[in-house]
Amino acid sequence: MSFSEIRDKDVINIRDGRNLGKPIDLILNENACVEALVVPGTRKGLLSFLRPNREGRAIDWHHVRRIGDDVIIVDVEGEPCGEEYH
């Protein structure tokens, strides 16, 4: 599966049903294996819509439970759902 296929899917947290957005990036290790999925962070500030949304939250790959046709199901507890990613 390619990132272009993954980035079109909504990421849903199975714990609370929250839609975390669509993936904006992947974090790879030195062996090119996926370590984390990055979803958009919470935008803050009045002019935040003018900046490209490249900041987000990293969700460790072991929290990804299933990748379906339309959604990616993750199991993360509380806020924040992962480390900040810039």
N, C-alpha and C. Protein backbone atom coordinates (compact mmCIF):
# COMPACT_ATOMS: atom_id res chain seq x y z
N MET A 1 0.84 -1.16 0.00
CA MET A 1 0.00 0.00 0.00
C MET A 1 0.90 1.24 0.00
N SER A 2 0.56 2.22 -0.81
CA SER A 2 1.37 3.43 -0.91
C SER A 2 0.82 4.53 -0.01
N PHE A 3 1.67 5.54 0.26
CA PHE A 3 1.23 6.66 1.09
C PHE A 3 0.09 7.42 0.41
N SER A 4 0.10 7.48 -0.92
CA SER A 4 -0.99 8.18 -1.61
C SER A 4 -2.34 7.52 -1.35
N GLU A 5 -2.34 6.21 -1.12
CA GLU A 5 -3.59 5.52 -0.77
C GLU A 5 -3.95 5.76 0.70
N ILE A 6 -2.95 5.78 1.56
CA ILE A 6 -3.18 5.98 2.99
C ILE A 6 -3.66 7.40 3.29
N ARG A 7 -3.10 8.41 2.61
CA ARG A 7 -3.42 9.80 2.94
C ARG A 7 -4.86 10.20 2.62
N ASP A 8 -5.57 9.38 1.87
CA ASP A 8 -6.97 9.68 1.56
C ASP A 8 -7.94 9.09 2.57
N LYS A 9 -7.44 8.39 3.57
CA LYS A 9 -8.30 7.73 4.56
C LYS A 9 -8.39 8.56 5.84
N ASP A 10 -9.55 8.58 6.46
CA ASP A 10 -9.71 9.24 7.76
C ASP A 10 -9.14 8.33 8.83
N VAL A 11 -8.48 8.94 9.83
CA VAL A 11 -7.94 8.20 10.97
C VAL A 11 -8.94 8.34 12.11
N ILE A 12 -9.48 7.21 12.57
CA ILE A 12 -10.51 7.19 13.61
C ILE A 12 -9.94 6.52 14.86
N ASN A 13 -10.12 7.20 16.00
CA ASN A 13 -9.69 6.63 17.28
C ASN A 13 -10.81 5.74 17.80
N ILE A 14 -10.52 4.46 17.95
CA ILE A 14 -11.53 3.49 18.38
C ILE A 14 -11.99 3.73 19.82
N ARG A 15 -11.17 4.40 20.63
CA ARG A 15 -11.52 4.64 22.05
C ARG A 15 -12.69 5.59 22.22
N ASP A 16 -12.72 6.66 21.40
CA ASP A 16 -13.77 7.66 21.57
C ASP A 16 -14.51 8.02 20.28
N GLY A 17 -14.15 7.37 19.18
CA GLY A 17 -14.83 7.62 17.90
C GLY A 17 -14.41 8.90 17.21
N ARG A 18 -13.41 9.59 17.77
CA ARG A 18 -12.96 10.85 17.19
C ARG A 18 -12.28 10.65 15.85
N ASN A 19 -12.59 11.55 14.91
CA ASN A 19 -11.89 11.59 13.64
C ASN A 19 -10.67 12.47 13.84
N LEU A 20 -9.48 11.90 13.70
CA LEU A 20 -8.23 12.63 13.93
C LEU A 20 -7.72 13.30 12.66
N GLY A 21 -8.43 13.15 11.57
CA GLY A 21 -8.03 13.75 10.30
C GLY A 21 -7.39 12.72 9.39
N LYS A 22 -6.91 13.21 8.26
CA LYS A 22 -6.23 12.35 7.30
C LYS A 22 -4.73 12.43 7.55
N PRO A 23 -4.00 11.33 7.34
CA PRO A 23 -2.55 11.35 7.55
C PRO A 23 -1.87 12.43 6.72
N ILE A 24 -0.90 13.12 7.35
CA ILE A 24 -0.14 14.13 6.62
C ILE A 24 1.30 13.70 6.40
N ASP A 25 1.73 12.64 7.10
CA ASP A 25 3.10 12.18 6.94
C ASP A 25 3.27 10.81 7.60
N LEU A 26 4.39 10.17 7.29
CA LEU A 26 4.80 8.93 7.94
C LEU A 26 6.20 9.15 8.49
N ILE A 27 6.51 8.52 9.61
CA ILE A 27 7.86 8.55 10.15
C ILE A 27 8.46 7.16 9.93
N LEU A 28 9.60 7.13 9.26
CA LEU A 28 10.27 5.87 8.94
C LEU A 28 11.54 5.73 9.77
N ASN A 29 11.91 4.49 10.06
CA ASN A 29 13.19 4.27 10.76
C ASN A 29 14.30 4.12 9.72
N GLU A 30 15.50 3.81 10.18
CA GLU A 30 16.65 3.71 9.29
C GLU A 30 16.53 2.57 8.28
N ASN A 31 15.64 1.61 8.54
CA ASN A 31 15.41 0.49 7.62
C ASN A 31 14.22 0.74 6.71
N ALA A 32 13.70 1.97 6.71
CA ALA A 32 12.56 2.38 5.89
C ALA A 32 11.27 1.66 6.30
N CYS A 33 11.17 1.26 7.56
CA CYS A 33 9.94 0.69 8.10
C CYS A 33 9.17 1.79 8.81
N VAL A 34 7.85 1.76 8.70
CA VAL A 34 7.02 2.79 9.32
C VAL A 34 7.06 2.66 10.83
N GLU A 35 7.38 3.77 11.50
CA GLU A 35 7.36 3.82 12.96
C GLU A 35 6.14 4.56 13.49
N ALA A 36 5.65 5.56 12.72
CA ALA A 36 4.52 6.35 13.19
C ALA A 36 3.76 6.95 12.01
N LEU A 37 2.50 7.21 12.28
CA LEU A 37 1.59 7.87 11.36
C LEU A 37 1.36 9.27 11.92
N VAL A 38 1.48 10.30 11.10
CA VAL A 38 1.31 11.67 11.57
C VAL A 38 -0.04 12.20 11.10
N VAL A 39 -0.83 12.68 12.06
CA VAL A 39 -2.13 13.28 11.76
C VAL A 39 -2.06 14.77 12.10
N PRO A 40 -2.95 15.58 11.53
CA PRO A 40 -2.91 17.02 11.81
C PRO A 40 -3.05 17.31 13.30
N GLY A 41 -2.32 18.32 13.77
CA GLY A 41 -2.44 18.78 15.14
C GLY A 41 -3.58 19.77 15.24
N THR A 42 -3.84 20.22 16.45
CA THR A 42 -4.86 21.22 16.67
C THR A 42 -4.32 22.57 16.22
N ARG A 43 -5.05 23.22 15.35
CA ARG A 43 -4.62 24.54 14.88
C ARG A 43 -4.96 25.58 15.93
N LYS A 44 -4.02 26.49 16.15
CA LYS A 44 -4.22 27.54 17.14
C LYS A 44 -3.94 28.88 16.50
N GLY A 45 -4.68 29.88 16.89
CA GLY A 45 -4.45 31.23 16.40
C GLY A 45 -5.37 31.58 15.26
N LEU A 46 -5.64 32.87 15.14
CA LEU A 46 -6.58 33.38 14.15
C LEU A 46 -6.10 33.16 12.72
N LEU A 47 -4.80 33.29 12.48
CA LEU A 47 -4.28 33.17 11.11
C LEU A 47 -3.71 31.80 10.80
N SER A 48 -4.00 30.82 11.62
CA SER A 48 -3.43 29.49 11.41
C SER A 48 -3.88 28.86 10.10
N PHE A 49 -5.04 29.28 9.58
CA PHE A 49 -5.52 28.70 8.33
C PHE A 49 -4.68 29.14 7.14
N LEU A 50 -3.85 30.16 7.31
CA LEU A 50 -3.00 30.63 6.21
C LEU A 50 -1.73 29.80 6.06
N ARG A 51 -1.35 29.09 7.12
CA ARG A 51 -0.14 28.28 7.10
C ARG A 51 -0.47 26.86 6.64
N PRO A 52 0.40 26.25 5.86
CA PRO A 52 0.16 24.85 5.50
C PRO A 52 0.14 23.99 6.76
N ASN A 53 -0.73 23.01 6.78
CA ASN A 53 -0.88 22.16 7.97
C ASN A 53 0.14 21.03 7.93
N ARG A 54 1.38 21.33 8.31
CA ARG A 54 2.41 20.31 8.34
C ARG A 54 2.80 19.95 9.76
N GLU A 55 2.19 20.60 10.74
CA GLU A 55 2.43 20.22 12.13
C GLU A 55 1.38 19.20 12.51
N GLY A 56 1.76 18.27 13.34
CA GLY A 56 0.79 17.26 13.70
C GLY A 56 1.20 16.46 14.90
N ARG A 57 0.50 15.38 15.09
CA ARG A 57 0.75 14.44 16.19
C ARG A 57 1.12 13.10 15.58
N ALA A 58 2.19 12.52 16.11
CA ALA A 58 2.64 11.20 15.65
C ALA A 58 1.96 10.12 16.47
N ILE A 59 1.38 9.16 15.79
CA ILE A 59 0.75 8.01 16.43
C ILE A 59 1.65 6.81 16.13
N ASP A 60 2.21 6.22 17.19
CA ASP A 60 3.08 5.06 17.01
C ASP A 60 2.36 3.99 16.18
N TRP A 61 3.12 3.37 15.30
CA TRP A 61 2.54 2.39 14.38
C TRP A 61 1.87 1.23 15.13
N HIS A 62 2.37 0.88 16.31
CA HIS A 62 1.76 -0.23 17.05
C HIS A 62 0.36 0.12 17.57
N HIS A 63 -0.05 1.40 17.47
CA HIS A 63 -1.41 1.80 17.85
C HIS A 63 -2.39 1.69 16.67
N VAL A 64 -1.87 1.47 15.47
CA VAL A 64 -2.74 1.28 14.30
C VAL A 64 -3.30 -0.13 14.37
N ARG A 65 -4.62 -0.23 14.42
CA ARG A 65 -5.27 -1.54 14.56
C ARG A 65 -5.69 -2.14 13.22
N ARG A 66 -6.16 -1.30 12.31
CA ARG A 66 -6.63 -1.82 11.02
C ARG A 66 -6.65 -0.70 10.00
N ILE A 67 -6.30 -1.05 8.76
CA ILE A 67 -6.43 -0.12 7.65
C ILE A 67 -7.49 -0.69 6.73
N GLY A 68 -8.62 0.02 6.66
CA GLY A 68 -9.73 -0.44 5.85
C GLY A 68 -9.80 0.29 4.52
N ASP A 69 -10.90 0.10 3.80
CA ASP A 69 -11.07 0.76 2.51
C ASP A 69 -11.17 2.27 2.65
N ASP A 70 -11.85 2.75 3.71
CA ASP A 70 -12.09 4.18 3.87
C ASP A 70 -11.44 4.80 5.09
N VAL A 71 -11.11 4.01 6.09
CA VAL A 71 -10.59 4.54 7.35
C VAL A 71 -9.39 3.76 7.86
N ILE A 72 -8.65 4.42 8.73
CA ILE A 72 -7.57 3.79 9.48
C ILE A 72 -8.01 3.82 10.94
N ILE A 73 -8.11 2.66 11.57
CA ILE A 73 -8.55 2.58 12.97
C ILE A 73 -7.31 2.56 13.85
N VAL A 74 -7.26 3.49 14.83
CA VAL A 74 -6.17 3.52 15.79
C VAL A 74 -6.74 3.40 17.20
N ASP A 75 -5.90 3.01 18.13
CA ASP A 75 -6.30 2.86 19.53
C ASP A 75 -5.35 3.69 20.38
N VAL A 76 -5.73 4.95 20.62
CA VAL A 76 -4.92 5.84 21.43
C VAL A 76 -5.77 6.41 22.55
N GLU A 77 -5.14 6.58 23.71
CA GLU A 77 -5.86 7.04 24.89
C GLU A 77 -5.58 8.50 25.15
N GLY A 78 -6.63 9.30 25.35
CA GLY A 78 -6.52 10.68 25.78
C GLY A 78 -5.83 11.62 24.82
N GLU A 79 -5.54 12.82 25.31
CA GLU A 79 -4.84 13.87 24.60
C GLU A 79 -3.50 14.09 25.25
N PRO A 80 -2.45 14.35 24.59
CA PRO A 80 -2.33 14.25 23.14
C PRO A 80 -2.21 12.80 22.70
N CYS A 81 -2.46 12.55 21.43
CA CYS A 81 -2.45 11.18 20.94
C CYS A 81 -1.05 10.71 20.57
N GLY A 82 -0.07 11.56 20.70
CA GLY A 82 1.30 11.17 20.37
C GLY A 82 2.22 12.36 20.54
N GLU A 83 3.45 12.19 20.13
CA GLU A 83 4.42 13.29 20.23
C GLU A 83 4.15 14.32 19.17
N GLU A 84 4.45 15.60 19.49
CA GLU A 84 4.33 16.65 18.49
C GLU A 84 5.32 16.41 17.39
N TYR A 85 4.93 16.72 16.18
CA TYR A 85 5.75 16.50 15.00
C TYR A 85 5.77 17.80 14.20
N HIS A 86 6.95 18.25 13.81
CA HIS A 86 7.07 19.48 13.01
C HIS A 86 7.83 19.19 11.75
